[in-house]
Protein backbone atom coordinates (compact mmCIF):
# COMPACT_ATOMS: atom_id res chain seq x y z
CA MET A 1 -11.03 -58.65 -13.11
CA THR A 2 -10.45 -59.24 -9.63
CA GLU A 3 -8.79 -56.90 -6.29
CA ILE A 4 -5.74 -56.48 -4.32
CA LEU A 5 -5.20 -56.34 -0.71
CA THR A 6 -4.11 -52.45 -0.09
CA ALA A 7 -3.33 -50.97 3.42
CA ALA A 8 -6.85 -48.94 2.53
CA GLY A 9 -8.67 -52.70 2.02
CA PRO A 10 -9.21 -54.10 -1.40
CA ARG A 11 -9.07 -51.52 -4.51
CA PRO A 12 -9.46 -53.24 -8.15
CA GLY A 13 -6.41 -53.83 -10.21
CA PRO A 14 -5.75 -53.08 -13.89
CA GLU A 15 -6.25 -54.42 -16.81
CA ARG A 16 -3.19 -53.84 -17.66
CA ALA A 17 0.17 -52.90 -16.18
CA LEU A 18 3.82 -51.45 -17.20
CA VAL A 19 6.71 -51.77 -15.25
CA VAL A 20 9.68 -49.23 -16.40
CA VAL A 21 13.15 -49.06 -14.13
CA ALA A 22 16.39 -48.23 -14.70
CA HIS A 23 17.85 -51.74 -14.11
CA PRO A 24 17.45 -55.86 -13.70
CA ASP A 25 16.78 -56.06 -10.72
CA ASP A 26 15.11 -52.56 -9.58
CA ALA A 27 11.12 -54.47 -10.09
CA ASP A 28 11.98 -57.26 -8.56
CA PHE A 29 13.09 -55.18 -5.43
CA GLY A 30 11.16 -52.18 -6.11
CA ALA A 31 7.72 -54.27 -7.12
CA ALA A 32 8.19 -57.60 -7.54
CA GLY A 33 5.61 -58.37 -4.57
CA THR A 34 2.61 -56.26 -5.95
CA VAL A 35 3.21 -57.21 -9.82
CA ALA A 36 2.88 -61.01 -7.85
CA ALA A 37 -0.91 -59.16 -6.68
CA LEU A 38 -1.53 -57.37 -9.87
CA VAL A 39 -1.21 -61.20 -12.60
CA GLY A 40 -3.03 -63.18 -9.47
CA ALA A 41 -6.57 -60.33 -9.68
CA GLY A 42 -5.89 -61.09 -13.49
CA ALA A 43 -3.65 -57.86 -15.40
CA ASP A 44 -1.47 -57.78 -18.43
CA VAL A 45 1.55 -56.99 -16.83
CA SER A 46 4.83 -56.37 -19.11
CA TYR A 47 8.08 -54.29 -18.23
CA CYS A 48 10.63 -51.73 -19.50
CA LEU A 49 13.89 -51.70 -18.51
CA VAL A 50 16.33 -47.98 -19.61
CA THR A 51 19.82 -50.14 -19.75
CA SER A 52 20.91 -54.44 -19.27
CA GLY A 53 23.02 -54.20 -16.11
CA ASP A 54 26.30 -53.63 -17.71
CA ALA A 55 27.51 -51.76 -14.79
CA GLY A 56 26.28 -54.30 -12.15
CA SER A 57 28.01 -56.21 -11.52
CA ASP A 58 32.03 -55.47 -11.12
CA HIS A 59 32.61 -58.98 -9.17
CA LEU A 60 32.02 -60.44 -12.08
CA PRO A 61 35.20 -61.50 -14.71
CA ILE A 62 33.09 -60.99 -17.61
CA ASP A 63 32.97 -58.59 -20.57
CA ALA A 64 29.95 -55.57 -20.28
CA ARG A 65 28.38 -57.54 -23.18
CA GLU A 66 28.16 -60.77 -21.85
CA LEU A 67 27.01 -58.87 -18.36
CA CYS A 68 24.51 -57.84 -19.89
CA GLU A 69 23.05 -61.23 -22.20
CA LEU A 70 23.74 -62.04 -18.56
CA ARG A 71 21.39 -59.64 -16.67
CA GLU A 72 18.79 -59.65 -19.26
CA ARG A 73 18.57 -63.95 -19.28
CA GLU A 74 18.28 -63.05 -15.02
CA GLN A 75 15.34 -60.24 -15.64
CA THR A 76 13.20 -63.03 -17.42
CA ASP A 77 13.81 -65.75 -15.80
CA ALA A 78 12.48 -63.32 -12.77
CA ALA A 79 9.71 -61.74 -14.17
CA ALA A 80 8.81 -66.00 -16.07
CA VAL A 81 8.58 -66.33 -11.35
CA LEU A 82 5.87 -63.83 -11.46
CA GLY A 83 3.38 -65.05 -14.31
CA VAL A 84 5.12 -62.34 -16.52
CA ASP A 85 6.10 -62.27 -20.36
CA ASP A 86 6.20 -59.00 -21.67
CA LEU A 87 10.34 -57.44 -21.73
CA VAL A 88 11.92 -54.30 -23.82
CA PHE A 89 15.30 -53.78 -23.26
CA LEU A 90 15.97 -50.73 -24.84
CA ARG A 91 20.48 -50.46 -23.70
CA HIS A 92 20.78 -48.20 -22.58
CA ARG A 93 24.24 -47.29 -21.50
CA ASP A 94 24.31 -48.61 -17.37
CA GLY A 95 25.39 -44.69 -15.39
CA TYR A 96 25.08 -42.96 -18.36
CA VAL A 97 20.85 -42.67 -18.10
CA GLU A 98 19.68 -39.10 -19.39
CA SER A 99 15.81 -37.99 -19.40
CA THR A 100 16.33 -37.62 -23.29
CA LEU A 101 13.52 -36.79 -25.46
CA GLU A 102 14.94 -40.07 -27.19
CA LEU A 103 14.90 -41.81 -24.50
CA ARG A 104 11.42 -40.80 -23.44
CA ARG A 105 10.22 -41.42 -27.22
CA ALA A 106 11.02 -45.33 -26.63
CA VAL A 107 9.03 -45.29 -23.10
CA ALA A 108 6.21 -44.49 -24.80
CA GLY A 109 5.46 -46.23 -27.76
CA VAL A 110 6.13 -49.41 -25.62
CA ILE A 111 2.78 -47.25 -23.64
CA ARG A 112 1.64 -46.98 -26.98
CA ARG A 113 2.50 -50.45 -27.51
CA THR A 114 0.70 -52.59 -24.27
CA ARG A 115 -1.89 -49.66 -23.11
CA PRO A 116 -1.05 -50.01 -19.33
CA ASP A 117 -4.45 -48.56 -17.40
CA LEU A 118 -1.31 -48.48 -14.36
CA VAL A 119 2.54 -47.80 -14.68
CA ILE A 120 4.82 -48.79 -11.81
CA CYS A 121 8.02 -46.75 -12.08
CA GLN A 122 10.29 -45.29 -9.85
CA SER A 123 10.15 -41.68 -8.15
CA PRO A 124 12.43 -38.79 -10.05
CA GLU A 125 12.87 -37.15 -6.49
CA ARG A 126 15.01 -38.13 -4.22
CA TYR A 127 14.34 -40.20 -1.59
CA TYR A 128 17.57 -38.80 1.31
CA ASP A 129 16.18 -41.77 4.21
CA ARG A 130 16.96 -44.71 1.76
CA ILE A 131 19.85 -43.53 -0.67
CA PHE A 132 20.15 -46.82 -2.65
CA ALA A 133 16.49 -46.23 -3.78
CA SER A 134 18.32 -42.98 -5.32
CA HIS A 135 19.94 -43.63 -8.18
CA PRO A 136 20.73 -41.75 -11.03
CA ASP A 137 19.15 -43.44 -13.23
CA HIS A 138 16.36 -44.00 -11.06
CA LEU A 139 16.13 -41.22 -11.13
CA ALA A 140 16.22 -40.25 -14.30
CA ALA A 141 14.27 -43.29 -16.04
CA GLY A 142 11.76 -41.66 -12.83
CA THR A 143 11.67 -38.58 -14.84
CA ALA A 144 11.37 -39.64 -18.85
CA ALA A 145 8.63 -42.59 -18.02
CA LEU A 146 6.66 -39.70 -15.77
CA CYS A 147 7.54 -37.45 -18.76
CA ALA A 148 6.27 -40.36 -21.29
CA VAL A 149 2.74 -40.95 -19.58
CA TYR A 150 1.88 -37.20 -19.39
CA PRO A 151 1.96 -36.01 -22.39
CA ASP A 152 3.89 -37.21 -25.01
CA ALA A 153 2.11 -40.74 -25.23
CA ARG A 154 -0.83 -39.31 -25.32
CA ASN A 155 -0.61 -36.38 -27.80
CA PRO A 156 -0.60 -37.45 -31.29
CA ARG A 157 1.45 -34.48 -32.23
CA ALA A 158 4.37 -35.33 -30.26
CA PHE A 159 6.56 -37.69 -32.07
CA PRO A 160 4.82 -38.00 -35.05
CA GLU A 161 7.01 -41.34 -36.34
CA LEU A 162 5.47 -43.38 -33.58
CA MET A 163 2.00 -42.26 -34.83
CA ALA A 164 3.59 -43.75 -38.26
CA ASP A 165 4.81 -47.09 -37.07
CA GLY A 166 1.35 -47.51 -36.22
CA LEU A 167 1.44 -46.75 -31.67
CA GLU A 168 -1.69 -44.60 -31.07
CA PRO A 169 -2.42 -42.09 -28.67
CA HIS A 170 -2.17 -43.83 -24.75
CA THR A 171 -4.12 -42.04 -22.13
CA VAL A 172 -2.38 -43.62 -19.01
CA ARG A 173 -4.65 -43.58 -15.76
CA GLU A 174 -2.36 -43.99 -12.98
CA VAL A 175 1.00 -44.04 -12.09
CA TRP A 176 2.42 -45.64 -8.97
CA LEU A 177 5.80 -44.30 -7.78
CA MET A 178 8.54 -46.89 -6.23
CA ALA A 179 10.97 -45.53 -3.71
CA HIS A 180 8.46 -42.05 -3.08
CA PRO A 181 10.32 -40.27 -0.36
CA GLU A 182 5.78 -39.56 0.97
CA PRO A 183 4.42 -43.29 -0.15
CA ASP A 184 0.25 -43.06 0.12
CA LEU A 185 -0.31 -46.78 -1.38
CA TRP A 186 0.95 -49.93 0.51
CA ILE A 187 -0.09 -52.66 -0.71
CA ASP A 188 -0.15 -55.85 0.82
CA VAL A 189 2.52 -58.56 -0.52
CA THR A 190 2.06 -61.29 2.04
CA ASP A 191 0.04 -63.77 0.04
CA THR A 192 3.44 -63.24 -2.52
CA VAL A 193 6.64 -62.11 -0.83
CA ASP A 194 7.51 -66.31 -2.03
CA LYS A 195 7.51 -65.01 -5.24
CA LYS A 196 8.99 -62.16 -4.79
CA LEU A 197 12.27 -63.80 -3.10
CA GLY A 198 11.60 -66.48 -5.87
CA ALA A 199 12.43 -63.44 -8.71
CA LEU A 200 15.14 -61.55 -6.55
CA ALA A 201 17.01 -65.07 -6.68
CA ALA A 202 16.58 -65.53 -9.74
CA HIS A 203 19.91 -62.61 -10.07
CA VAL A 204 21.89 -65.27 -9.60
CA SER A 205 24.90 -62.07 -9.83
CA GLN A 206 23.04 -59.17 -7.74
CA THR A 207 21.86 -61.71 -5.05
CA ALA A 208 23.64 -65.10 -4.79
CA HIS A 209 25.97 -63.71 -2.08
CA ARG A 210 24.08 -63.05 0.12
CA ASP A 211 23.04 -65.33 2.92
CA ASP A 212 20.09 -63.20 4.26
CA LEU A 213 18.84 -61.95 1.52
CA ASP A 214 15.51 -63.56 2.58
CA THR A 215 15.81 -61.91 6.09
CA MET A 216 16.55 -57.92 4.71
CA VAL A 217 13.82 -58.20 2.87
CA ARG A 218 11.08 -59.23 5.01
CA GLY A 219 12.21 -57.01 7.28
CA TRP A 220 12.53 -54.20 4.96
CA LEU A 221 8.64 -55.82 3.88
CA ALA A 222 7.67 -55.84 7.40
CA ALA A 223 8.68 -52.53 8.99
CA THR A 224 6.67 -50.88 5.06
CA ALA A 225 3.74 -52.17 6.30
CA GLN A 226 4.15 -51.38 9.47
CA ALA A 227 4.90 -47.92 8.23
CA GLY A 228 1.51 -47.96 6.40
CA GLY A 229 -0.15 -49.08 9.36
CA LEU A 230 -0.73 -52.99 8.39
CA PRO A 231 -1.96 -55.60 11.29
CA ALA A 232 1.47 -57.27 13.03
CA GLY A 233 3.12 -60.42 10.82
CA ARG A 234 2.01 -58.32 7.45
CA LEU A 235 4.14 -57.18 4.65
CA ALA A 236 4.05 -54.37 2.62
CA GLU A 237 5.46 -52.96 -1.36
CA ALA A 238 4.64 -48.84 -0.47
CA PHE A 239 4.02 -46.20 -3.71
CA LYS A 240 2.79 -42.47 -4.87
CA VAL A 241 0.38 -42.63 -6.38
CA VAL A 242 -0.32 -39.91 -9.33
CA THR A 243 -3.80 -39.69 -10.69
CA THR A 244 -3.20 -38.91 -14.87
CA GLY A 245 -5.34 -40.39 -17.15
């Protein structure tokens, strides 16, 4: 296992990571550069998508079922750009996500199957300076993911039906929260930004109409790098680290 570059210097990468998000494209807007860096460092990365984005493209004249199929294909193509081929779609209704026991059980099951050292998920705390990052589905998916990490996935008495299915308890060592108002980890994605942009471009229904996508994303990443104290010209994605092991 090699290292990934952060604002504080090189950091050992995990052997396995799981990204849990509400919608297709959430992982790519929030963490695709980091995912590419993790894969490049030798990590096995899996995705868990809570919804299939059936409420996310009101400009397309297709029904919700067709939109789900389209966005799942786009997310699968986007993940492939980064070297990720293990994706789980839970198919909850877009716009209606709540941190229910059902959702916690499902995410805990994915954690027990993939057995990650690291979970990357959305922040359950609203980010008032970037309100678009705090969609209600994002907040609920983040809450459910954290509950699944602790205590559900590690507790053999939680959801005994998972044990009956052969999914043994697993303790996640660390969680990185995307779009948190107080980040404390900045991952240098200067060398993986092209893969991030390629992954975002795969979400044709969401990004094809954006002529400024490249400029917009690079601007975000440059501002994030500056906030994290990286040298001028570097690009970064930011996270809040939660130690859970």
